[in-house]
Amino acid sequence: MPDIKESRILIMASDGFEQSELLVPLEKLRQAGATVHVATPNNKPIKGWNEKDWGETVPSDCAIADVSVEDYDALVLPGGQINPDVLRLNETAIGLVRDFAAANKVVAAICHAPWLLVEAGIAAGREMTSYKSIKTDVTNAGATWVDKEVVVDDGIITSRAPGDLPAFVAKIIEEVEEGRHLRK
């Protein structure tokens, strides 16, 4: 069972991420002892969305195209409306989501980020949650949508919204410490 203090976690995002959904996992996972990197489309800083207006800028550690799945234990996908909508059109980003899932590594998506799981083709047959406005997208992709703060299905973690962040981050830590997950 790996210790969170020895883990490496990647957060993938673009401009328009929901500010708390990136910053809270970044801070809490680092406080728990994990090494956490942020990957962006162009390895440039990205600007968050803070409820009703643009928020903080977050530096990038690497470009999405330069990420090696073997270097990380988990992938965290923050939501917001803009960020996952942009990333689901990025073939490299979707390929990375698929690669993490294929490697049986933890993949955690909150709010609108389950769109990326849908686009990557890994939602079908799973129990998942999401922000309520994309419930139909998730169910149309073949997942069973449930209204819970955090849902785990074979190492795929989903949550609904910023209010679920404490449970979301706690579940990321728990799942990373469990190790690789054999997928259906």
C-alpha atoms as a PDB file:
ATOM      1  CA  MET A   1       0.000   0.000   0.000  1.00  0.00           C
ATOM      2  CA  PRO A   2       1.728   3.263  -1.137  1.00  0.00           C
ATOM      3  CA  ASP A   3       1.897   6.169   1.284  1.00  0.00           C
ATOM      4  CA  ILE A   4       0.429   9.485   0.087  1.00  0.00           C
ATOM      5  CA  LYS A   5       3.759  11.099   1.077  1.00  0.00           C
ATOM      6  CA  GLU A   6       5.488   9.051  -1.623  1.00  0.00           C
ATOM      7  CA  SER A   7       2.901   9.688  -4.311  1.00  0.00           C
ATOM      8  CA  ARG A   8       3.007  11.903  -7.384  1.00  0.00           C
ATOM      9  CA  ILE A   9      -0.285  13.410  -8.498  1.00  0.00           C
ATOM     10  CA  LEU A  10      -1.077  15.312 -11.684  1.00  0.00           C
ATOM     11  CA  ILE A  11      -3.780  17.964 -11.949  1.00  0.00           C
ATOM     12  CA  MET A  12      -4.738  18.657 -15.579  1.00  0.00           C
ATOM     13  CA  ALA A  13      -6.513  21.922 -16.368  1.00  0.00           C
ATOM     14  CA  SER A  14      -6.888  24.854 -18.730  1.00  0.00           C
ATOM     15  CA  ASP A  15      -8.133  28.421 -18.379  1.00  0.00           C
ATOM     16  CA  GLY A  16     -11.578  28.572 -16.811  1.00  0.00           C
ATOM     17  CA  PHE A  17     -11.111  25.876 -14.149  1.00  0.00           C
ATOM     18  CA  GLU A  18     -13.348  26.330 -11.115  1.00  0.00           C
ATOM     19  CA  GLN A  19     -10.841  27.982  -8.786  1.00  0.00           C
ATOM     20  CA  SER A  20     -11.609  26.010  -5.615  1.00  0.00           C
ATOM     21  CA  GLU A  21     -11.710  22.704  -7.496  1.00  0.00           C
ATOM     22  CA  LEU A  22      -8.057  23.096  -8.482  1.00  0.00           C
ATOM     23  CA  LEU A  23      -6.635  25.061  -5.554  1.00  0.00           C
ATOM     24  CA  VAL A  24      -8.164  22.979  -2.739  1.00  0.00           C
ATOM     25  CA  PRO A  25      -6.901  19.600  -4.032  1.00  0.00           C
ATOM     26  CA  LEU A  26      -3.531  21.184  -4.894  1.00  0.00           C
ATOM     27  CA  GLU A  27      -3.130  22.576  -1.378  1.00  0.00           C
ATOM     28  CA  LYS A  28      -4.604  19.640   0.563  1.00  0.00           C
ATOM     29  CA  LEU A  29      -2.718  16.955  -1.365  1.00  0.00           C
ATOM     30  CA  ARG A  30       0.546  18.854  -0.911  1.00  0.00           C
ATOM     31  CA  GLN A  31      -0.222  19.279   2.809  1.00  0.00           C
ATOM     32  CA  ALA A  32      -0.727  15.508   2.996  1.00  0.00           C
ATOM     33  CA  GLY A  33       2.791  15.111   1.585  1.00  0.00           C
ATOM     34  CA  ALA A  34       2.112  14.285  -2.076  1.00  0.00           C
ATOM     35  CA  THR A  35       4.123  15.800  -4.905  1.00  0.00           C
ATOM     36  CA  VAL A  36       1.541  17.559  -7.079  1.00  0.00           C
ATOM     37  CA  HIS A  37       2.103  19.001 -10.551  1.00  0.00           C
ATOM     38  CA  VAL A  38      -0.217  21.032 -12.770  1.00  0.00           C
ATOM     39  CA  ALA A  39      -0.281  20.232 -16.490  1.00  0.00           C
ATOM     40  CA  THR A  40      -1.748  22.738 -18.941  1.00  0.00           C
ATOM     41  CA  PRO A  41      -2.207  22.649 -22.721  1.00  0.00           C
ATOM     42  CA  ASN A  42       0.796  24.906 -23.460  1.00  0.00           C
ATOM     43  CA  ASN A  43       2.779  24.759 -20.201  1.00  0.00           C
ATOM     44  CA  LYS A  44       1.660  28.334 -19.553  1.00  0.00           C
ATOM     45  CA  PRO A  45      -0.093  29.706 -16.454  1.00  0.00           C
ATOM     46  CA  ILE A  46      -3.866  29.282 -16.419  1.00  0.00           C
ATOM     47  CA  LYS A  47      -6.563  31.541 -15.018  1.00  0.00           C
ATOM     48  CA  GLY A  48      -9.321  30.233 -12.787  1.00  0.00           C
ATOM     49  CA  TRP A  49     -12.990  31.072 -12.624  1.00  0.00           C
ATOM     50  CA  ASN A  50     -14.072  32.114  -9.132  1.00  0.00           C
ATOM     51  CA  GLU A  51     -17.851  31.660  -8.990  1.00  0.00           C
ATOM     52  CA  LYS A  52     -18.911  34.695 -11.080  1.00  0.00           C
ATOM     53  CA  ASP A  53     -15.703  36.204 -12.468  1.00  0.00           C
ATOM     54  CA  TRP A  54     -12.111  35.429 -13.348  1.00  0.00           C
ATOM     55  CA  GLY A  55      -9.997  34.407 -10.388  1.00  0.00           C
ATOM     56  CA  GLU A  56      -6.402  33.494  -9.605  1.00  0.00           C
ATOM     57  CA  THR A  57      -3.682  32.472 -12.018  1.00  0.00           C
ATOM     58  CA  VAL A  58      -1.957  29.147 -11.373  1.00  0.00           C
ATOM     59  CA  PRO A  59       1.499  28.333 -12.767  1.00  0.00           C
ATOM     60  CA  SER A  60       2.033  25.292 -14.944  1.00  0.00           C
ATOM     61  CA  ASP A  61       4.622  22.620 -14.194  1.00  0.00           C
ATOM     62  CA  CYS A  62       4.429  20.924 -17.597  1.00  0.00           C
ATOM     63  CA  ALA A  63       2.565  20.678 -20.874  1.00  0.00           C
ATOM     64  CA  ILE A  64      -0.087  17.986 -21.170  1.00  0.00           C
ATOM     65  CA  ALA A  65       1.746  16.585 -24.216  1.00  0.00           C
ATOM     66  CA  ASP A  66       4.911  16.083 -22.141  1.00  0.00           C
ATOM     67  CA  VAL A  67       3.292  14.056 -19.345  1.00  0.00           C
ATOM     68  CA  SER A  68       4.290  10.441 -18.866  1.00  0.00           C
ATOM     69  CA  VAL A  69       1.611   8.406 -17.077  1.00  0.00           C
ATOM     70  CA  GLU A  70       4.344   6.253 -15.536  1.00  0.00           C
ATOM     71  CA  ASP A  71       5.538   9.281 -13.528  1.00  0.00           C
ATOM     72  CA  TYR A  72       2.247   9.694 -11.623  1.00  0.00           C
ATOM     73  CA  ASP A  73      -0.036   7.741  -9.305  1.00  0.00           C
ATOM     74  CA  ALA A  74      -3.216   9.715  -9.957  1.00  0.00           C
ATOM     75  CA  LEU A  75      -4.870  12.254 -12.243  1.00  0.00           C
ATOM     76  CA  VAL A  76      -7.129  14.981 -10.826  1.00  0.00           C
ATOM     77  CA  LEU A  77      -9.535  16.826 -13.128  1.00  0.00           C
ATOM     78  CA  PRO A  78     -11.046  20.058 -11.768  1.00  0.00           C
ATOM     79  CA  GLY A  79     -14.341  21.242 -13.171  1.00  0.00           C
ATOM     80  CA  GLY A  80     -15.963  24.513 -13.959  1.00  0.00           C
ATOM     81  CA  GLN A  81     -17.883  24.872 -17.200  1.00  0.00           C
ATOM     82  CA  ILE A  82     -15.083  26.281 -19.343  1.00  0.00           C
ATOM     83  CA  ASN A  83     -12.094  24.092 -18.426  1.00  0.00           C
ATOM     84  CA  PRO A  84     -13.513  20.608 -19.147  1.00  0.00           C
ATOM     85  CA  ASP A  85     -15.336  21.871 -22.224  1.00  0.00           C
ATOM     86  CA  VAL A  86     -12.010  23.116 -23.622  1.00  0.00           C
ATOM     87  CA  LEU A  87     -10.091  19.980 -22.616  1.00  0.00           C
ATOM     88  CA  ARG A  88     -12.630  17.535 -24.042  1.00  0.00           C
ATOM     89  CA  LEU A  89     -11.787  18.941 -27.485  1.00  0.00           C
ATOM     90  CA  ASN A  90      -8.056  18.399 -26.878  1.00  0.00           C
ATOM     91  CA  GLU A  91      -7.127  14.944 -28.205  1.00  0.00           C
ATOM     92  CA  THR A  92      -3.906  14.870 -26.191  1.00  0.00           C
ATOM     93  CA  ALA A  93      -5.777  15.604 -22.950  1.00  0.00           C
ATOM     94  CA  ILE A  94      -8.401  12.937 -23.673  1.00  0.00           C
ATOM     95  CA  GLY A  95      -5.642  10.480 -24.548  1.00  0.00           C
ATOM     96  CA  LEU A  96      -4.021  11.180 -21.193  1.00  0.00           C
ATOM     97  CA  VAL A  97      -7.284  10.445 -19.352  1.00  0.00           C
ATOM     98  CA  ARG A  98      -7.566   7.148 -21.267  1.00  0.00           C
ATOM     99  CA  ASP A  99      -3.927   6.301 -20.509  1.00  0.00           C
ATOM    100  CA  PHE A 100      -4.343   6.850 -16.751  1.00  0.00           C
ATOM    101  CA  ALA A 101      -7.455   4.653 -16.765  1.00  0.00           C
ATOM    102  CA  ALA A 102      -5.764   1.959 -18.883  1.00  0.00           C
ATOM    103  CA  ALA A 103      -2.827   1.938 -16.435  1.00  0.00           C
ATOM    104  CA  ASN A 104      -5.319   1.287 -13.588  1.00  0.00           C
ATOM    105  CA  LYS A 105      -4.349   4.524 -11.867  1.00  0.00           C
ATOM    106  CA  VAL A 106      -6.662   6.749  -9.857  1.00  0.00           C
ATOM    107  CA  VAL A 107      -8.625   9.264 -11.931  1.00  0.00           C
ATOM    108  CA  ALA A 108     -10.629  11.874 -10.002  1.00  0.00           C
ATOM    109  CA  ALA A 109     -13.099  14.266 -11.681  1.00  0.00           C
ATOM    110  CA  ILE A 110     -15.323  16.863 -10.030  1.00  0.00           C
ATOM    111  CA  CYS A 111     -18.223  19.053 -11.190  1.00  0.00           C
ATOM    112  CA  HIS A 112     -18.207  19.256 -15.027  1.00  0.00           C
ATOM    113  CA  ALA A 113     -14.925  17.286 -15.343  1.00  0.00           C
ATOM    114  CA  PRO A 114     -16.762  13.959 -15.773  1.00  0.00           C
ATOM    115  CA  TRP A 115     -17.291  15.267 -19.338  1.00  0.00           C
ATOM    116  CA  LEU A 116     -13.658  14.236 -19.841  1.00  0.00           C
ATOM    117  CA  LEU A 117     -14.432  10.701 -18.652  1.00  0.00           C
ATOM    118  CA  VAL A 118     -17.377  10.596 -21.062  1.00  0.00           C
ATOM    119  CA  GLU A 119     -15.222  11.843 -23.947  1.00  0.00           C
ATOM    120  CA  ALA A 120     -12.479   9.342 -23.097  1.00  0.00           C
ATOM    121  CA  GLY A 121     -15.013   6.514 -23.286  1.00  0.00           C
ATOM    122  CA  ILE A 122     -14.555   5.344 -19.705  1.00  0.00           C
ATOM    123  CA  ALA A 123     -17.961   6.272 -18.240  1.00  0.00           C
ATOM    124  CA  ALA A 124     -20.024   3.373 -19.594  1.00  0.00           C
ATOM    125  CA  GLY A 125     -20.967   0.775 -17.010  1.00  0.00           C
ATOM    126  CA  ARG A 126     -19.751   2.865 -14.070  1.00  0.00           C
ATOM    127  CA  GLU A 127     -21.518   4.443 -11.143  1.00  0.00           C
ATOM    128  CA  MET A 128     -20.693   8.162 -11.243  1.00  0.00           C
ATOM    129  CA  THR A 129     -21.795  11.571 -10.096  1.00  0.00           C
ATOM    130  CA  SER A 130     -21.237  15.066 -11.489  1.00  0.00           C
ATOM    131  CA  TYR A 131     -22.615  18.566 -11.424  1.00  0.00           C
ATOM    132  CA  LYS A 132     -26.374  18.145 -11.901  1.00  0.00           C
ATOM    133  CA  SER A 133     -26.452  19.992 -15.247  1.00  0.00           C
ATOM    134  CA  ILE A 134     -24.420  17.244 -16.962  1.00  0.00           C
ATOM    135  CA  LYS A 135     -26.330  14.319 -15.412  1.00  0.00           C
ATOM    136  CA  THR A 136     -27.956  13.575 -18.788  1.00  0.00           C
ATOM    137  CA  ASP A 137     -24.564  13.583 -20.549  1.00  0.00           C
ATOM    138  CA  VAL A 138     -23.203  11.126 -17.988  1.00  0.00           C
ATOM    139  CA  THR A 139     -26.211   8.799 -18.224  1.00  0.00           C
ATOM    140  CA  ASN A 140     -26.262   9.018 -22.043  1.00  0.00           C
ATOM    141  CA  ALA A 141     -22.637   7.812 -21.946  1.00  0.00           C
ATOM    142  CA  GLY A 142     -23.812   4.647 -20.193  1.00  0.00           C
ATOM    143  CA  ALA A 143     -23.009   5.473 -16.572  1.00  0.00           C
ATOM    144  CA  THR A 144     -25.401   5.148 -13.654  1.00  0.00           C
ATOM    145  CA  TRP A 145     -25.631   8.654 -12.162  1.00  0.00           C
ATOM    146  CA  VAL A 146     -26.097   8.954  -8.384  1.00  0.00           C
ATOM    147  CA  ASP A 147     -26.538  12.050  -6.233  1.00  0.00           C
ATOM    148  CA  LYS A 148     -23.732  11.611  -3.670  1.00  0.00           C
ATOM    149  CA  GLU A 149     -20.848  13.849  -2.608  1.00  0.00           C
ATOM    150  CA  VAL A 150     -18.288  11.315  -3.800  1.00  0.00           C
ATOM    151  CA  VAL A 151     -18.597   8.120  -5.826  1.00  0.00           C
ATOM    152  CA  VAL A 152     -15.829   5.586  -6.476  1.00  0.00           C
ATOM    153  CA  ASP A 153     -15.971   2.881  -9.119  1.00  0.00           C
ATOM    154  CA  ASP A 154     -12.737   0.866  -9.527  1.00  0.00           C
ATOM    155  CA  GLY A 155     -10.491   3.827  -8.749  1.00  0.00           C
ATOM    156  CA  ILE A 156     -12.505   6.343 -10.791  1.00  0.00           C
ATOM    157  CA  ILE A 157     -13.612   9.060  -8.349  1.00  0.00           C
ATOM    158  CA  THR A 158     -16.339  11.577  -9.136  1.00  0.00           C
ATOM    159  CA  SER A 159     -17.887  14.413  -7.112  1.00  0.00           C
ATOM    160  CA  ARG A 160     -20.585  16.997  -7.744  1.00  0.00           C
ATOM    161  CA  ALA A 161     -19.420  20.488  -6.784  1.00  0.00           C
ATOM    162  CA  PRO A 162     -17.119  22.622  -4.585  1.00  0.00           C
ATOM    163  CA  GLY A 163     -19.100  21.736  -1.457  1.00  0.00           C
ATOM    164  CA  ASP A 164     -17.949  18.140  -1.925  1.00  0.00           C
ATOM    165  CA  LEU A 165     -14.215  18.994  -1.947  1.00  0.00           C
ATOM    166  CA  PRO A 166     -13.404  17.673   1.558  1.00  0.00           C
ATOM    167  CA  ALA A 167     -14.843  14.242   0.697  1.00  0.00           C
ATOM    168  CA  PHE A 168     -13.314  14.362  -2.813  1.00  0.00           C
ATOM    169  CA  VAL A 169      -9.776  15.048  -1.558  1.00  0.00           C
ATOM    170  CA  ALA A 170     -10.071  12.502   1.265  1.00  0.00           C
ATOM    171  CA  LYS A 171     -11.157   9.864  -1.256  1.00  0.00           C
ATOM    172  CA  ILE A 172      -8.226  10.713  -3.583  1.00  0.00           C
ATOM    173  CA  ILE A 173      -5.821  10.112  -0.702  1.00  0.00           C
ATOM    174  CA  GLU A 174      -7.554   6.856   0.258  1.00  0.00           C
ATOM    175  CA  GLU A 175      -7.597   5.527  -3.311  1.00  0.00           C
ATOM    176  CA  VAL A 176      -3.951   6.475  -3.982  1.00  0.00           C
ATOM    177  CA  GLU A 177      -2.942   4.623  -0.830  1.00  0.00           C
ATOM    178  CA  GLU A 178      -4.882   1.550  -2.005  1.00  0.00           C
ATOM    179  CA  GLY A 179      -2.725   1.422  -5.145  1.00  0.00           C
ATOM    180  CA  ARG A 180      -3.593   0.418  -8.704  1.00  0.00           C
ATOM    181  CA  HIS A 181      -7.144  -0.603  -9.482  1.00  0.00           C
ATOM    182  CA  LEU A 182      -8.005  -3.397 -11.875  1.00  0.00           C
ATOM    183  CA  ARG A 183     -10.701  -2.074 -14.168  1.00  0.00           C
ATOM    184  CA  LYS A 184     -13.775  -3.769 -15.555  1.00  0.00           C
END
